[in-house]
Amino acid sequence: MGKLIIEEVGSETKQLAEINLGQGEIAGVELKQLASISEGNSHTVSGEFFSMKAARDILDAIALHSKNSSHKVRIELMVEDPQQQELYQKMFDRAAGKTQKSS
């Protein structure tokens, strides 16, 4: 099996994570690095995953490898069921500390 290597590309290439594909399923991963105009020197890495496990695996690998805890993380989840959307949004809001007080 092969390896998935995630690198930060810039004036100096830095390896962020290395995942042995023989030890876990990470299917449908497409990573892109885009320069962020609004945040100056910031860069965004994105990927599309076809399973929750694959997304979790890549986030775990990056978290274990990252020495910089000040990274911002944005998660976007596509669901077809409005009830799931509402449930997941409440979970996101709680985790992000955005819970609203009830009147």
PDB file of N, CA and C in Angstrom:
ATOM      1  N   MET A   1       0.834  -1.194   0.000  1.00  0.00           N
ATOM      2  CA  MET A   1       0.000   0.000   0.000  1.00  0.00           C
ATOM      3  C   MET A   1       0.867   1.242   0.000  1.00  0.00           C
ATOM      4  N   GLY A   2       0.256   2.365  -0.284  1.00  0.00           N
ATOM      5  CA  GLY A   2       0.984   3.623  -0.352  1.00  0.00           C
ATOM      6  C   GLY A   2       0.804   4.461   0.893  1.00  0.00           C
ATOM      7  N   LYS A   3       1.276   5.686   0.800  1.00  0.00           N
ATOM      8  CA  LYS A   3       1.188   6.642   1.893  1.00  0.00           C
ATOM      9  C   LYS A   3       0.505   7.900   1.384  1.00  0.00           C
ATOM     10  N   LEU A   4      -0.194   8.578   2.293  1.00  0.00           N
ATOM     11  CA  LEU A   4      -0.737   9.895   2.015  1.00  0.00           C
ATOM     12  C   LEU A   4       0.134  10.866   2.785  1.00  0.00           C
ATOM     13  N   ILE A   5       0.776  11.771   2.079  1.00  0.00           N
ATOM     14  CA  ILE A   5       1.640  12.753   2.723  1.00  0.00           C
ATOM     15  C   ILE A   5       1.009  14.125   2.519  1.00  0.00           C
ATOM     16  N   ILE A   6       0.833  14.859   3.616  1.00  0.00           N
ATOM     17  CA  ILE A   6       0.239  16.189   3.570  1.00  0.00           C
ATOM     18  C   ILE A   6       1.346  17.180   3.886  1.00  0.00           C
ATOM     19  N   GLU A   7       1.549  18.133   2.974  1.00  0.00           N
ATOM     20  CA  GLU A   7       2.621  19.100   3.139  1.00  0.00           C
ATOM     21  C   GLU A   7       2.082  20.518   3.058  1.00  0.00           C
ATOM     22  N   GLU A   8       2.737  21.420   3.776  1.00  0.00           N
ATOM     23  CA  GLU A   8       2.476  22.847   3.657  1.00  0.00           C
ATOM     24  C   GLU A   8       3.482  23.363   2.642  1.00  0.00           C
ATOM     25  N   VAL A   9       2.976  23.928   1.560  1.00  0.00           N
ATOM     26  CA  VAL A   9       3.846  24.384   0.484  1.00  0.00           C
ATOM     27  C   VAL A   9       4.023  25.888   0.604  1.00  0.00           C
ATOM     28  N   GLY A  10       5.232  26.332   0.537  1.00  0.00           N
ATOM     29  CA  GLY A  10       5.548  27.758   0.607  1.00  0.00           C
ATOM     30  C   GLY A  10       7.002  27.935   0.268  1.00  0.00           C
ATOM     31  N   SER A  11       7.612  28.980   0.830  1.00  0.00           N
ATOM     32  CA  SER A  11       9.037  29.183   0.582  1.00  0.00           C
ATOM     33  C   SER A  11       9.838  28.010   1.122  1.00  0.00           C
ATOM     34  N   GLU A  12       9.284  27.357   2.132  1.00  0.00           N
ATOM     35  CA  GLU A  12       9.904  26.164   2.707  1.00  0.00           C
ATOM     36  C   GLU A  12       8.824  25.086   2.834  1.00  0.00           C
ATOM     37  N   THR A  13       8.991  23.960   2.166  1.00  0.00           N
ATOM     38  CA  THR A  13       8.003  22.884   2.242  1.00  0.00           C
ATOM     39  C   THR A  13       8.112  22.188   3.587  1.00  0.00           C
ATOM     40  N   LYS A  14       6.968  22.011   4.251  1.00  0.00           N
ATOM     41  CA  LYS A  14       6.944  21.400   5.576  1.00  0.00           C
ATOM     42  C   LYS A  14       5.936  20.255   5.568  1.00  0.00           C
ATOM     43  N   GLN A  15       6.356  19.068   5.974  1.00  0.00           N
ATOM     44  CA  GLN A  15       5.454  17.919   6.028  1.00  0.00           C
ATOM     45  C   GLN A  15       4.565  18.043   7.260  1.00  0.00           C
ATOM     46  N   LEU A  16       3.245  17.980   7.062  1.00  0.00           N
ATOM     47  CA  LEU A  16       2.284  18.098   8.154  1.00  0.00           C
ATOM     48  C   LEU A  16       1.830  16.748   8.675  1.00  0.00           C
ATOM     49  N   ALA A  17       1.692  15.781   7.790  1.00  0.00           N
ATOM     50  CA  ALA A  17       1.212  14.464   8.214  1.00  0.00           C
ATOM     51  C   ALA A  17       1.607  13.419   7.186  1.00  0.00           C
ATOM     52  N   GLU A  18       1.759  12.197   7.664  1.00  0.00           N
ATOM     53  CA  GLU A  18       2.024  11.056   6.789  1.00  0.00           C
ATOM     54  C   GLU A  18       1.146   9.917   7.278  1.00  0.00           C
ATOM     55  N   ILE A  19       0.302   9.408   6.406  1.00  0.00           N
ATOM     56  CA  ILE A  19      -0.640   8.363   6.786  1.00  0.00           C
ATOM     57  C   ILE A  19      -0.376   7.137   5.931  1.00  0.00           C
ATOM     58  N   ASN A  20      -0.149   6.008   6.578  1.00  0.00           N
ATOM     59  CA  ASN A  20       0.034   4.749   5.872  1.00  0.00           C
ATOM     60  C   ASN A  20      -1.346   4.256   5.457  1.00  0.00           C
ATOM     61  N   LEU A  21      -1.607   4.231   4.184  1.00  0.00           N
ATOM     62  CA  LEU A  21      -2.936   3.866   3.692  1.00  0.00           C
ATOM     63  C   LEU A  21      -3.277   2.406   3.936  1.00  0.00           C
ATOM     64  N   GLY A  22      -2.306   1.578   4.244  1.00  0.00           N
ATOM     65  CA  GLY A  22      -2.565   0.179   4.549  1.00  0.00           C
ATOM     66  C   GLY A  22      -3.108  -0.021   5.948  1.00  0.00           C
ATOM     67  N   GLN A  23      -3.071   1.029   6.791  1.00  0.00           N
ATOM     68  CA  GLN A  23      -3.513   0.890   8.181  1.00  0.00           C
ATOM     69  C   GLN A  23      -4.853   1.544   8.447  1.00  0.00           C
ATOM     70  N   GLY A  24      -5.484   2.091   7.473  1.00  0.00           N
ATOM     71  CA  GLY A  24      -6.778   2.723   7.696  1.00  0.00           C
ATOM     72  C   GLY A  24      -7.360   3.152   6.379  1.00  0.00           C
ATOM     73  N   GLU A  25      -8.655   3.299   6.348  1.00  0.00           N
ATOM     74  CA  GLU A  25      -9.320   3.671   5.110  1.00  0.00           C
ATOM     75  C   GLU A  25      -9.455   5.179   5.040  1.00  0.00           C
ATOM     76  N   ILE A  26      -8.862   5.757   4.048  1.00  0.00           N
ATOM     77  CA  ILE A  26      -9.041   7.175   3.773  1.00  0.00           C
ATOM     78  C   ILE A  26      -9.344   7.249   2.288  1.00  0.00           C
ATOM     79  N   ALA A  27     -10.628   7.208   1.961  1.00  0.00           N
ATOM     80  CA  ALA A  27     -11.046   7.152   0.560  1.00  0.00           C
ATOM     81  C   ALA A  27     -11.591   8.499   0.119  1.00  0.00           C
ATOM     82  N   GLY A  28     -11.407   8.818  -1.124  1.00  0.00           N
ATOM     83  CA  GLY A  28     -11.990  10.026  -1.691  1.00  0.00           C
ATOM     84  C   GLY A  28     -11.395  11.303  -1.159  1.00  0.00           C
ATOM     85  N   VAL A  29     -10.104  11.353  -0.944  1.00  0.00           N
ATOM     86  CA  VAL A  29      -9.462  12.544  -0.410  1.00  0.00           C
ATOM     87  C   VAL A  29      -8.883  13.355  -1.555  1.00  0.00           C
ATOM     88  N   GLU A  30      -9.279  14.594  -1.635  1.00  0.00           N
ATOM     89  CA  GLU A  30      -8.702  15.510  -2.604  1.00  0.00           C
ATOM     90  C   GLU A  30      -8.304  16.756  -1.836  1.00  0.00           C
ATOM     91  N   LEU A  31      -7.006  16.992  -1.706  1.00  0.00           N
ATOM     92  CA  LEU A  31      -6.537  18.148  -0.952  1.00  0.00           C
ATOM     93  C   LEU A  31      -6.085  19.248  -1.899  1.00  0.00           C
ATOM     94  N   LYS A  32      -6.394  20.484  -1.521  1.00  0.00           N
ATOM     95  CA  LYS A  32      -5.960  21.634  -2.288  1.00  0.00           C
ATOM     96  C   LYS A  32      -5.470  22.680  -1.303  1.00  0.00           C
ATOM     97  N   GLN A  33      -4.481  23.434  -1.669  1.00  0.00           N
ATOM     98  CA  GLN A  33      -4.043  24.549  -0.845  1.00  0.00           C
ATOM     99  C   GLN A  33      -4.347  25.820  -1.615  1.00  0.00           C
ATOM    100  N   LEU A  34      -5.042  26.713  -0.976  1.00  0.00           N
ATOM    101  CA  LEU A  34      -5.440  27.949  -1.624  1.00  0.00           C
ATOM    102  C   LEU A  34      -4.915  29.130  -0.824  1.00  0.00           C
ATOM    103  N   ALA A  35      -4.384  30.117  -1.478  1.00  0.00           N
ATOM    104  CA  ALA A  35      -3.949  31.325  -0.778  1.00  0.00           C
ATOM    105  C   ALA A  35      -5.188  32.081  -0.337  1.00  0.00           C
ATOM    106  N   SER A  36      -5.198  32.498   0.904  1.00  0.00           N
ATOM    107  CA  SER A  36      -6.339  33.235   1.434  1.00  0.00           C
ATOM    108  C   SER A  36      -6.055  34.727   1.317  1.00  0.00           C
ATOM    109  N   ILE A  37      -6.799  35.414   0.489  1.00  0.00           N
ATOM    110  CA  ILE A  37      -6.579  36.836   0.256  1.00  0.00           C
ATOM    111  C   ILE A  37      -6.904  37.636   1.507  1.00  0.00           C
ATOM    112  N   SER A  38      -7.965  37.263   2.212  1.00  0.00           N
ATOM    113  CA  SER A  38      -8.413  38.050   3.357  1.00  0.00           C
ATOM    114  C   SER A  38      -7.520  37.911   4.580  1.00  0.00           C
ATOM    115  N   GLU A  39      -6.718  36.887   4.675  1.00  0.00           N
ATOM    116  CA  GLU A  39      -5.917  36.685   5.871  1.00  0.00           C
ATOM    117  C   GLU A  39      -4.420  36.753   5.589  1.00  0.00           C
ATOM    118  N   GLY A  40      -4.019  37.504   4.581  1.00  0.00           N
ATOM    119  CA  GLY A  40      -2.605  37.721   4.326  1.00  0.00           C
ATOM    120  C   GLY A  40      -1.841  36.452   4.023  1.00  0.00           C
ATOM    121  N   ASN A  41      -0.998  36.018   4.960  1.00  0.00           N
ATOM    122  CA  ASN A  41      -0.127  34.865   4.753  1.00  0.00           C
ATOM    123  C   ASN A  41      -0.782  33.532   5.072  1.00  0.00           C
ATOM    124  N   SER A  42      -2.042  33.532   5.451  1.00  0.00           N
ATOM    125  CA  SER A  42      -2.724  32.281   5.786  1.00  0.00           C
ATOM    126  C   SER A  42      -2.981  31.461   4.531  1.00  0.00           C
ATOM    127  N   HIS A  43      -3.015  30.164   4.715  1.00  0.00           N
ATOM    128  CA  HIS A  43      -3.329  29.254   3.617  1.00  0.00           C
ATOM    129  C   HIS A  43      -4.404  28.300   4.093  1.00  0.00           C
ATOM    130  N   THR A  44      -5.224  27.845   3.166  1.00  0.00           N
ATOM    131  CA  THR A  44      -6.307  26.931   3.491  1.00  0.00           C
ATOM    132  C   THR A  44      -6.055  25.604   2.803  1.00  0.00           C
ATOM    133  N   VAL A  45      -6.267  24.540   3.530  1.00  0.00           N
ATOM    134  CA  VAL A  45      -6.189  23.199   2.971  1.00  0.00           C
ATOM    135  C   VAL A  45      -7.591  22.621   3.057  1.00  0.00           C
ATOM    136  N   SER A  46      -8.086  22.054   1.969  1.00  0.00           N
ATOM    137  CA  SER A  46      -9.432  21.493   2.010  1.00  0.00           C
ATOM    138  C   SER A  46      -9.438  20.122   1.364  1.00  0.00           C
ATOM    139  N   GLY A  47     -10.421  19.344   1.721  1.00  0.00           N
ATOM    140  CA  GLY A  47     -10.570  18.019   1.150  1.00  0.00           C
ATOM    141  C   GLY A  47     -12.024  17.603   1.209  1.00  0.00           C
ATOM    142  N   GLU A  48     -12.398  16.690   0.367  1.00  0.00           N
ATOM    143  CA  GLU A  48     -13.756  16.160   0.380  1.00  0.00           C
ATOM    144  C   GLU A  48     -13.667  14.685   0.716  1.00  0.00           C
ATOM    145  N   PHE A  49     -14.439  14.264   1.706  1.00  0.00           N
ATOM    146  CA  PHE A  49     -14.383  12.896   2.202  1.00  0.00           C
ATOM    147  C   PHE A  49     -15.750  12.252   2.037  1.00  0.00           C
ATOM    148  N   PHE A  50     -15.736  10.962   1.795  1.00  0.00           N
ATOM    149  CA  PHE A  50     -16.987  10.257   1.567  1.00  0.00           C
ATOM    150  C   PHE A  50     -17.396   9.414   2.760  1.00  0.00           C
ATOM    151  N   SER A  51     -16.681   9.563   3.875  1.00  0.00           N
ATOM    152  CA  SER A  51     -17.091   8.903   5.113  1.00  0.00           C
ATOM    153  C   SER A  51     -16.626   9.734   6.295  1.00  0.00           C
ATOM    154  N   MET A  52     -17.362   9.645   7.388  1.00  0.00           N
ATOM    155  CA  MET A  52     -16.992  10.340   8.623  1.00  0.00           C
ATOM    156  C   MET A  52     -15.651   9.816   9.130  1.00  0.00           C
ATOM    157  N   LYS A  53     -15.413   8.518   8.977  1.00  0.00           N
ATOM    158  CA  LYS A  53     -14.171   7.912   9.460  1.00  0.00           C
ATOM    159  C   LYS A  53     -12.964   8.502   8.738  1.00  0.00           C
ATOM    160  N   ALA A  54     -13.068   8.678   7.436  1.00  0.00           N
ATOM    161  CA  ALA A  54     -11.957   9.246   6.671  1.00  0.00           C
ATOM    162  C   ALA A  54     -11.672  10.676   7.121  1.00  0.00           C
ATOM    163  N   ALA A  55     -12.724  11.462   7.323  1.00  0.00           N
ATOM    164  CA  ALA A  55     -12.546  12.843   7.790  1.00  0.00           C
ATOM    165  C   ALA A  55     -11.921  12.862   9.182  1.00  0.00           C
ATOM    166  N   ARG A  56     -12.394  12.004  10.065  1.00  0.00           N
ATOM    167  CA  ARG A  56     -11.840  11.923  11.423  1.00  0.00           C
ATOM    168  C   ARG A  56     -10.374  11.518  11.389  1.00  0.00           C
ATOM    169  N   ASP A  57     -10.041  10.543  10.557  1.00  0.00           N
ATOM    170  CA  ASP A  57      -8.659  10.068  10.469  1.00  0.00           C
ATOM    171  C   ASP A  57      -7.706  11.180  10.044  1.00  0.00           C
ATOM    172  N   ILE A  58      -8.102  11.960   9.056  1.00  0.00           N
ATOM    173  CA  ILE A  58      -7.209  13.017   8.593  1.00  0.00           C
ATOM    174  C   ILE A  58      -7.096  14.123   9.633  1.00  0.00           C
ATOM    175  N   LEU A  59      -8.194  14.473  10.306  1.00  0.00           N
ATOM    176  CA  LEU A  59      -8.124  15.487  11.364  1.00  0.00           C
ATOM    177  C   LEU A  59      -7.261  15.009  12.526  1.00  0.00           C
ATOM    178  N   ASP A  60      -7.396  13.736  12.904  1.00  0.00           N
ATOM    179  CA  ASP A  60      -6.556  13.169  13.971  1.00  0.00           C
ATOM    180  C   ASP A  60      -5.085  13.222  13.589  1.00  0.00           C
ATOM    181  N   ALA A  61      -4.773  12.857  12.358  1.00  0.00           N
ATOM    182  CA  ALA A  61      -3.378  12.851  11.905  1.00  0.00           C
ATOM    183  C   ALA A  61      -2.790  14.256  11.933  1.00  0.00           C
ATOM    184  N   ILE A  62      -3.557  15.232  11.485  1.00  0.00           N
ATOM    185  CA  ILE A  62      -3.076  16.613  11.486  1.00  0.00           C
ATOM    186  C   ILE A  62      -2.926  17.121  12.913  1.00  0.00           C
ATOM    187  N   ALA A  63      -3.889  16.813  13.786  1.00  0.00           N
ATOM    188  CA  ALA A  63      -3.813  17.253  15.182  1.00  0.00           C
ATOM    189  C   ALA A  63      -2.601  16.662  15.887  1.00  0.00           C
ATOM    190  N   LEU A  64      -2.297  15.407  15.630  1.00  0.00           N
ATOM    191  CA  LEU A  64      -1.135  14.770  16.247  1.00  0.00           C
ATOM    192  C   LEU A  64       0.171  15.365  15.737  1.00  0.00           C
ATOM    193  N   HIS A  65       0.183  15.775  14.493  1.00  0.00           N
ATOM    194  CA  HIS A  65       1.412  16.267  13.880  1.00  0.00           C
ATOM    195  C   HIS A  65       1.617  17.763  14.114  1.00  0.00           C
ATOM    196  N   SER A  66       0.540  18.501  14.334  1.00  0.00           N
ATOM    197  CA  SER A  66       0.610  19.953  14.421  1.00  0.00           C
ATOM    198  C   SER A  66       1.211  20.412  15.742  1.00  0.00           C
ATOM    199  N   LYS A  67       2.210  21.268  15.647  1.00  0.00           N
ATOM    200  CA  LYS A  67       2.817  21.855  16.842  1.00  0.00           C
ATOM    201  C   LYS A  67       2.201  23.219  17.131  1.00  0.00           C
ATOM    202  N   ASN A  68       1.399  23.719  16.221  1.00  0.00           N
ATOM    203  CA  ASN A  68       0.795  25.037  16.350  1.00  0.00           C
ATOM    204  C   ASN A  68      -0.678  24.875  16.699  1.00  0.00           C
ATOM    205  N   SER A  69      -1.027  25.158  17.941  1.00  0.00           N
ATOM    206  CA  SER A  69      -2.413  24.967  18.376  1.00  0.00           C
ATOM    207  C   SER A  69      -3.300  26.157  18.024  1.00  0.00           C
ATOM    208  N   SER A  70      -2.758  27.162  17.346  1.00  0.00           N
ATOM    209  CA  SER A  70      -3.561  28.335  17.023  1.00  0.00           C
ATOM    210  C   SER A  70      -4.218  28.252  15.645  1.00  0.00           C
ATOM    211  N   HIS A  71      -4.178  27.077  15.017  1.00  0.00           N
ATOM    212  CA  HIS A  71      -4.850  26.919  13.724  1.00  0.00           C
ATOM    213  C   HIS A  71      -6.352  27.079  13.909  1.00  0.00           C
ATOM    214  N   LYS A  72      -6.988  27.728  12.961  1.00  0.00           N
ATOM    215  CA  LYS A  72      -8.446  27.781  12.928  1.00  0.00           C
ATOM    216  C   LYS A  72      -8.915  26.582  12.128  1.00  0.00           C
ATOM    217  N   VAL A  73     -10.032  26.003  12.537  1.00  0.00           N
ATOM    218  CA  VAL A  73     -10.592  24.858  11.821  1.00  0.00           C
ATOM    219  C   VAL A  73     -12.029  25.200  11.450  1.00  0.00           C
ATOM    220  N   ARG A  74     -12.360  25.007  10.191  1.00  0.00           N
ATOM    221  CA  ARG A  74     -13.733  25.208   9.732  1.00  0.00           C
ATOM    222  C   ARG A  74     -14.229  23.864   9.216  1.00  0.00           C
ATOM    223  N   ILE A  75     -15.392  23.452   9.692  1.00  0.00           N
ATOM    224  CA  ILE A  75     -15.969  22.177   9.268  1.00  0.00           C
ATOM    225  C   ILE A  75     -17.288  22.463   8.568  1.00  0.00           C
ATOM    226  N   GLU A  76     -17.453  21.875   7.415  1.00  0.00           N
ATOM    227  CA  GLU A  76     -18.698  21.998   6.662  1.00  0.00           C
ATOM    228  C   GLU A  76     -19.194  20.590   6.381  1.00  0.00           C
ATOM    229  N   LEU A  77     -20.394  20.289   6.810  1.00  0.00           N
ATOM    230  CA  LEU A  77     -20.962  18.961   6.661  1.00  0.00           C
ATOM    231  C   LEU A  77     -22.194  19.064   5.768  1.00  0.00           C
ATOM    232  N   MET A  78     -22.237  18.264   4.713  1.00  0.00           N
ATOM    233  CA  MET A  78     -23.376  18.288   3.803  1.00  0.00           C
ATOM    234  C   MET A  78     -24.321  17.140   4.148  1.00  0.00           C
ATOM    235  N   VAL A  79     -25.558  17.487   4.482  1.00  0.00           N
ATOM    236  CA  VAL A  79     -26.566  16.475   4.819  1.00  0.00           C
ATOM    237  C   VAL A  79     -27.811  16.729   3.974  1.00  0.00           C
ATOM    238  N   GLU A  80     -28.594  15.678   3.766  1.00  0.00           N
ATOM    239  CA  GLU A  80     -29.812  15.804   2.967  1.00  0.00           C
ATOM    240  C   GLU A  80     -31.052  15.969   3.836  1.00  0.00           C
ATOM    241  N   ASP A  81     -30.986  15.534   5.073  1.00  0.00           N
ATOM    242  CA  ASP A  81     -32.133  15.541   5.974  1.00  0.00           C
ATOM    243  C   ASP A  81     -32.126  16.810   6.832  1.00  0.00           C
ATOM    244  N   PRO A  82     -33.189  17.641   6.753  1.00  0.00           N
ATOM    245  CA  PRO A  82     -33.253  18.872   7.543  1.00  0.00           C
ATOM    246  C   PRO A  82     -33.171  18.623   9.059  1.00  0.00           C
ATOM    247  N   GLN A  83     -33.680  17.486   9.525  1.00  0.00           N
ATOM    248  CA  GLN A  83     -33.601  17.172  10.953  1.00  0.00           C
ATOM    249  C   GLN A  83     -32.155  16.915  11.368  1.00  0.00           C
ATOM    250  N   GLN A  84     -31.411  16.210  10.516  1.00  0.00           N
ATOM    251  CA  GLN A  84     -29.989  15.999  10.798  1.00  0.00           C
ATOM    252  C   GLN A  84     -29.251  17.333  10.785  1.00  0.00           C
ATOM    253  N   GLN A  85     -29.602  18.178   9.839  1.00  0.00           N
ATOM    254  CA  GLN A  85     -28.952  19.482   9.745  1.00  0.00           C
ATOM    255  C   GLN A  85     -29.148  20.263  11.044  1.00  0.00           C
ATOM    256  N   GLU A  86     -30.364  20.275  11.554  1.00  0.00           N
ATOM    257  CA  GLU A  86     -30.661  20.996  12.794  1.00  0.00           C
ATOM    258  C   GLU A  86     -29.898  20.394  13.976  1.00  0.00           C
ATOM    259  N   LEU A  87     -29.910  19.069  14.085  1.00  0.00           N
ATOM    260  CA  LEU A  87     -29.201  18.387  15.166  1.00  0.00           C
ATOM    261  C   LEU A  87     -27.705  18.678  15.111  1.00  0.00           C
ATOM    262  N   TYR A  88     -27.107  18.525  13.932  1.00  0.00           N
ATOM    263  CA  TYR A  88     -25.668  18.741  13.791  1.00  0.00           C
ATOM    264  C   TYR A  88     -25.302  20.201  14.039  1.00  0.00           C
ATOM    265  N   GLN A  89     -26.156  21.131  13.605  1.00  0.00           N
ATOM    266  CA  GLN A  89     -25.865  22.549  13.835  1.00  0.00           C
ATOM    267  C   GLN A  89     -25.857  22.852  15.328  1.00  0.00           C
ATOM    268  N   LYS A  90     -26.793  22.261  16.070  1.00  0.00           N
ATOM    269  CA  LYS A  90     -26.805  22.448  17.530  1.00  0.00           C
ATOM    270  C   LYS A  90     -25.531  21.886  18.151  1.00  0.00           C
ATOM    271  N   MET A  91     -25.081  20.736  17.657  1.00  0.00           N
ATOM    272  CA  MET A  91     -23.842  20.137  18.161  1.00  0.00           C
ATOM    273  C   MET A  91     -22.647  21.049  17.863  1.00  0.00           C
ATOM    274  N   PHE A  92     -22.591  21.585  16.647  1.00  0.00           N
ATOM    275  CA  PHE A  92     -21.507  22.501  16.270  1.00  0.00           C
ATOM    276  C   PHE A  92     -21.533  23.734  17.166  1.00  0.00           C
ATOM    277  N   ASP A  93     -22.732  24.300  17.360  1.00  0.00           N
ATOM    278  CA  ASP A  93     -22.859  25.506  18.176  1.00  0.00           C
ATOM    279  C   ASP A  93     -22.409  25.266  19.611  1.00  0.00           C
ATOM    280  N   ARG A  94     -22.804  24.130  20.185  1.00  0.00           N
ATOM    281  CA  ARG A  94     -22.367  23.801  21.554  1.00  0.00           C
ATOM    282  C   ARG A  94     -20.854  23.664  21.622  1.00  0.00           C
ATOM    283  N   ALA A  95     -20.282  22.957  20.670  1.00  0.00           N
ATOM    284  CA  ALA A  95     -18.833  22.728  20.662  1.00  0.00           C
ATOM    285  C   ALA A  95     -18.065  24.034  20.463  1.00  0.00           C
ATOM    286  N   ALA A  96     -18.642  24.967  19.721  1.00  0.00           N
ATOM    287  CA  ALA A  96     -17.983  26.246  19.458  1.00  0.00           C
ATOM    288  C   ALA A  96     -18.310  27.278  20.533  1.00  0.00           C
ATOM    289  N   GLY A  97     -19.101  26.891  21.542  1.00  0.00           N
ATOM    290  CA  GLY A  97     -19.459  27.810  22.617  1.00  0.00           C
ATOM    291  C   GLY A  97     -20.496  28.836  22.219  1.00  0.00           C
ATOM    292  N   LYS A  98     -21.327  28.503  21.244  1.00  0.00           N
ATOM    293  CA  LYS A  98     -22.341  29.435  20.758  1.00  0.00           C
ATOM    294  C   LYS A  98     -23.734  29.079  21.252  1.00  0.00           C
ATOM    295  N   THR A  99     -23.854  28.393  22.374  1.00  0.00           N
ATOM    296  CA  THR A  99     -25.183  28.000  22.841  1.00  0.00           C
ATOM    297  C   THR A  99     -25.967  29.232  23.248  1.00  0.00           C
ATOM    298  N   GLN A 100     -27.224  29.231  22.868  1.00  0.00           N
ATOM    299  CA  GLN A 100     -28.095  30.346  23.209  1.00  0.00           C
ATOM    300  C   GLN A 100     -28.846  30.015  24.482  1.00  0.00           C
ATOM    301  N   LYS A 101     -29.007  31.031  25.325  1.00  0.00           N
ATOM    302  CA  LYS A 101     -29.765  30.832  26.559  1.00  0.00           C
ATOM    303  C   LYS A 101     -31.245  30.882  26.233  1.00  0.00           C
ATOM    304  N   SER A 102     -32.010  29.946  26.809  1.00  0.00           N
ATOM    305  CA  SER A 102     -33.450  29.953  26.555  1.00  0.00           C
ATOM    306  C   SER A 102     -34.130  30.968  27.454  1.00  0.00           C
ATOM    307  N   SER A 103     -35.207  31.559  26.938  1.00  0.00           N
ATOM    308  CA  SER A 103     -35.911  32.591  27.696  1.00  0.00           C
ATOM    309  C   SER A 103     -36.876  32.011  28.672  1.00  0.00           C
TER     310      SER A 103
END
